[in-house]
C-alpha atoms as a PDB file:
ATOM      1  CA  UNK A   1       0.000   0.000   0.000  1.00  0.00           C
ATOM      2  CA  UNK A   2       1.310   3.433  -0.875  1.00  0.00           C
ATOM      3  CA  UNK A   3       1.357   6.164   1.709  1.00  0.00           C
ATOM      4  CA  UNK A   4       2.310   9.786   2.080  1.00  0.00           C
ATOM      5  CA  UNK A   5       5.886  10.476   3.053  1.00  0.00           C
ATOM      6  CA  UNK A   6       7.787  13.677   3.660  1.00  0.00           C
ATOM      7  CA  UNK A   7      11.035  11.846   2.844  1.00  0.00           C
ATOM      8  CA  UNK A   8      13.057  13.256  -0.057  1.00  0.00           C
ATOM      9  CA  UNK A   9      13.787  10.933  -2.973  1.00  0.00           C
ATOM     10  CA  UNK A  10      15.727  11.484  -6.180  1.00  0.00           C
ATOM     11  CA  UNK A  11      13.635  13.349  -8.799  1.00  0.00           C
ATOM     12  CA  UNK A  12      14.237  10.633 -11.374  1.00  0.00           C
ATOM     13  CA  UNK A  13      12.218   8.146  -9.270  1.00  0.00           C
ATOM     14  CA  UNK A  14       9.053  10.258  -9.074  1.00  0.00           C
ATOM     15  CA  UNK A  15       5.839   9.608 -10.920  1.00  0.00           C
ATOM     16  CA  UNK A  16       3.860  12.828 -11.330  1.00  0.00           C
ATOM     17  CA  UNK A  17       0.150  13.074 -11.850  1.00  0.00           C
ATOM     18  CA  UNK A  18      -2.353  15.867 -12.332  1.00  0.00           C
ATOM     19  CA  UNK A  19      -5.979  15.169 -11.510  1.00  0.00           C
ATOM     20  CA  UNK A  20      -9.179  17.100 -12.068  1.00  0.00           C
ATOM     21  CA  UNK A  21     -12.691  15.936 -11.314  1.00  0.00           C
ATOM     22  CA  UNK A  22     -15.883  17.467 -12.591  1.00  0.00           C
ATOM     23  CA  UNK A  23     -19.558  17.203 -11.795  1.00  0.00           C
ATOM     24  CA  UNK A  24     -22.379  18.711 -13.864  1.00  0.00           C
ATOM     25  CA  UNK A  25     -26.085  18.103 -14.394  1.00  0.00           C
ATOM     26  CA  UNK A  26     -25.142  15.879 -17.359  1.00  0.00           C
ATOM     27  CA  UNK A  27     -22.828  13.633 -15.324  1.00  0.00           C
ATOM     28  CA  UNK A  28     -19.495  13.434 -13.608  1.00  0.00           C
ATOM     29  CA  UNK A  29     -16.004  12.336 -14.532  1.00  0.00           C
ATOM     30  CA  UNK A  30     -12.329  13.045 -14.242  1.00  0.00           C
ATOM     31  CA  UNK A  31      -9.231  13.805 -16.235  1.00  0.00           C
ATOM     32  CA  UNK A  32      -5.825  12.432 -15.297  1.00  0.00           C
ATOM     33  CA  UNK A  33      -2.359  13.029 -16.735  1.00  0.00           C
ATOM     34  CA  UNK A  34       0.393  10.771 -15.414  1.00  0.00           C
ATOM     35  CA  UNK A  35       4.084  11.288 -16.175  1.00  0.00           C
ATOM     36  CA  UNK A  36       6.485   8.393 -15.607  1.00  0.00           C
ATOM     37  CA  UNK A  37      10.007   8.936 -14.260  1.00  0.00           C
ATOM     38  CA  UNK A  38      11.222   8.551 -17.862  1.00  0.00           C
ATOM     39  CA  UNK A  39       9.002  11.468 -18.992  1.00  0.00           C
ATOM     40  CA  UNK A  40       6.312   9.401 -20.735  1.00  0.00           C
ATOM     41  CA  UNK A  41       2.859  11.019 -20.467  1.00  0.00           C
ATOM     42  CA  UNK A  42      -0.333   8.987 -20.153  1.00  0.00           C
ATOM     43  CA  UNK A  43      -3.703  10.748 -20.390  1.00  0.00           C
ATOM     44  CA  UNK A  44      -7.008   9.373 -19.150  1.00  0.00           C
ATOM     45  CA  UNK A  45     -10.565  10.717 -19.343  1.00  0.00           C
ATOM     46  CA  UNK A  46     -13.070   8.858 -17.204  1.00  0.00           C
ATOM     47  CA  UNK A  47     -16.853   9.135 -17.124  1.00  0.00           C
ATOM     48  CA  UNK A  48     -18.471   7.841 -13.947  1.00  0.00           C
ATOM     49  CA  UNK A  49     -21.565   5.637 -13.977  1.00  0.00           C
ATOM     50  CA  UNK A  50     -22.767   7.246 -10.770  1.00  0.00           C
ATOM     51  CA  UNK A  51     -23.646  10.724  -9.566  1.00  0.00           C
ATOM     52  CA  UNK A  52     -20.795  12.432  -7.776  1.00  0.00           C
ATOM     53  CA  UNK A  53     -20.204  15.817  -6.252  1.00  0.00           C
ATOM     54  CA  UNK A  54     -17.194  17.734  -7.554  1.00  0.00           C
ATOM     55  CA  UNK A  55     -15.017  16.798  -4.554  1.00  0.00           C
ATOM     56  CA  UNK A  56     -16.033  13.142  -4.906  1.00  0.00           C
ATOM     57  CA  UNK A  57     -14.987  13.249  -8.574  1.00  0.00           C
ATOM     58  CA  UNK A  58     -11.643  14.752  -7.488  1.00  0.00           C
ATOM     59  CA  UNK A  59     -11.123  11.902  -5.009  1.00  0.00           C
ATOM     60  CA  UNK A  60     -12.014   9.299  -7.639  1.00  0.00           C
ATOM     61  CA  UNK A  61      -9.410  10.836  -9.977  1.00  0.00           C
ATOM     62  CA  UNK A  62      -6.795  10.753  -7.216  1.00  0.00           C
ATOM     63  CA  UNK A  63      -7.544   7.127  -6.311  1.00  0.00           C
ATOM     64  CA  UNK A  64      -7.500   6.074  -9.968  1.00  0.00           C
ATOM     65  CA  UNK A  65      -4.109   7.750 -10.473  1.00  0.00           C
ATOM     66  CA  UNK A  66      -2.691   6.040  -7.420  1.00  0.00           C
ATOM     67  CA  UNK A  67      -3.942   2.636  -8.628  1.00  0.00           C
ATOM     68  CA  UNK A  68      -2.517   3.108 -12.119  1.00  0.00           C
ATOM     69  CA  UNK A  69       0.893   4.217 -10.847  1.00  0.00           C
ATOM     70  CA  UNK A  70       0.979   1.478  -8.207  1.00  0.00           C
ATOM     71  CA  UNK A  71       0.229  -1.140 -10.883  1.00  0.00           C
ATOM     72  CA  UNK A  72       3.131   0.321 -12.884  1.00  0.00           C
ATOM     73  CA  UNK A  73       5.465  -0.162  -9.903  1.00  0.00           C
ATOM     74  CA  UNK A  74       5.621   3.423  -8.641  1.00  0.00           C
ATOM     75  CA  UNK A  75       6.948   3.989  -5.148  1.00  0.00           C
ATOM     76  CA  UNK A  76       7.240   7.794  -5.099  1.00  0.00           C
ATOM     77  CA  UNK A  77       4.413  10.052  -6.244  1.00  0.00           C
ATOM     78  CA  UNK A  78       3.901  13.750  -6.708  1.00  0.00           C
ATOM     79  CA  UNK A  79       0.229  14.642  -7.079  1.00  0.00           C
ATOM     80  CA  UNK A  80      -1.314  17.901  -8.258  1.00  0.00           C
ATOM     81  CA  UNK A  81      -4.964  18.865  -7.855  1.00  0.00           C
ATOM     82  CA  UNK A  82      -6.878  22.114  -8.081  1.00  0.00           C
ATOM     83  CA  UNK A  83      -9.048  21.071  -5.129  1.00  0.00           C
ATOM     84  CA  UNK A  84      -7.864  22.764  -1.958  1.00  0.00           C
ATOM     85  CA  UNK A  85      -9.985  20.360   0.117  1.00  0.00           C
ATOM     86  CA  UNK A  86      -8.402  17.264  -1.421  1.00  0.00           C
ATOM     87  CA  UNK A  87      -4.848  18.611  -1.146  1.00  0.00           C
ATOM     88  CA  UNK A  88      -5.237  19.620   2.505  1.00  0.00           C
ATOM     89  CA  UNK A  89      -6.863  16.324   3.469  1.00  0.00           C
ATOM     90  CA  UNK A  90      -4.156  14.258   1.741  1.00  0.00           C
ATOM     91  CA  UNK A  91      -1.431  16.328   3.424  1.00  0.00           C
ATOM     92  CA  UNK A  92      -3.163  15.875   6.790  1.00  0.00           C
ATOM     93  CA  UNK A  93      -3.767  19.603   7.203  1.00  0.00           C
ATOM     94  CA  UNK A  94      -7.541  19.301   7.230  1.00  0.00           C
ATOM     95  CA  UNK A  95      -9.713  16.620   8.721  1.00  0.00           C
ATOM     96  CA  UNK A  96     -13.427  16.279   8.145  1.00  0.00           C
ATOM     97  CA  UNK A  97     -15.250  17.290  11.337  1.00  0.00           C
ATOM     98  CA  UNK A  98     -17.019  14.436  13.078  1.00  0.00           C
ATOM     99  CA  UNK A  99     -20.740  14.661  13.559  1.00  0.00           C
ATOM    100  CA  UNK A 100     -22.048  15.000  17.078  1.00  0.00           C
ATOM    101  CA  UNK A 101     -24.567  12.322  17.969  1.00  0.00           C
END
């Protein structure tokens, strides 16, 4: 299982991915661009078969990117997203408040 690490690794070992989720009245989906350590770009456009809020679509894009890179043998990832919520949650800077019962 891959995790988040603050440890520095050589740049040439990093896989980089950019994710963007979208939700509209017509449906939801995501776009993903993954760059291998050798500089090879892979682009994916995904349409979801379920209704998703924008942040949910962003998470789906992030999870998909992590699965693809893990299957390719990646150990070190650099992820980019335009969702402040997703970035802060992944970095551990923001936690969803728990509901009071």
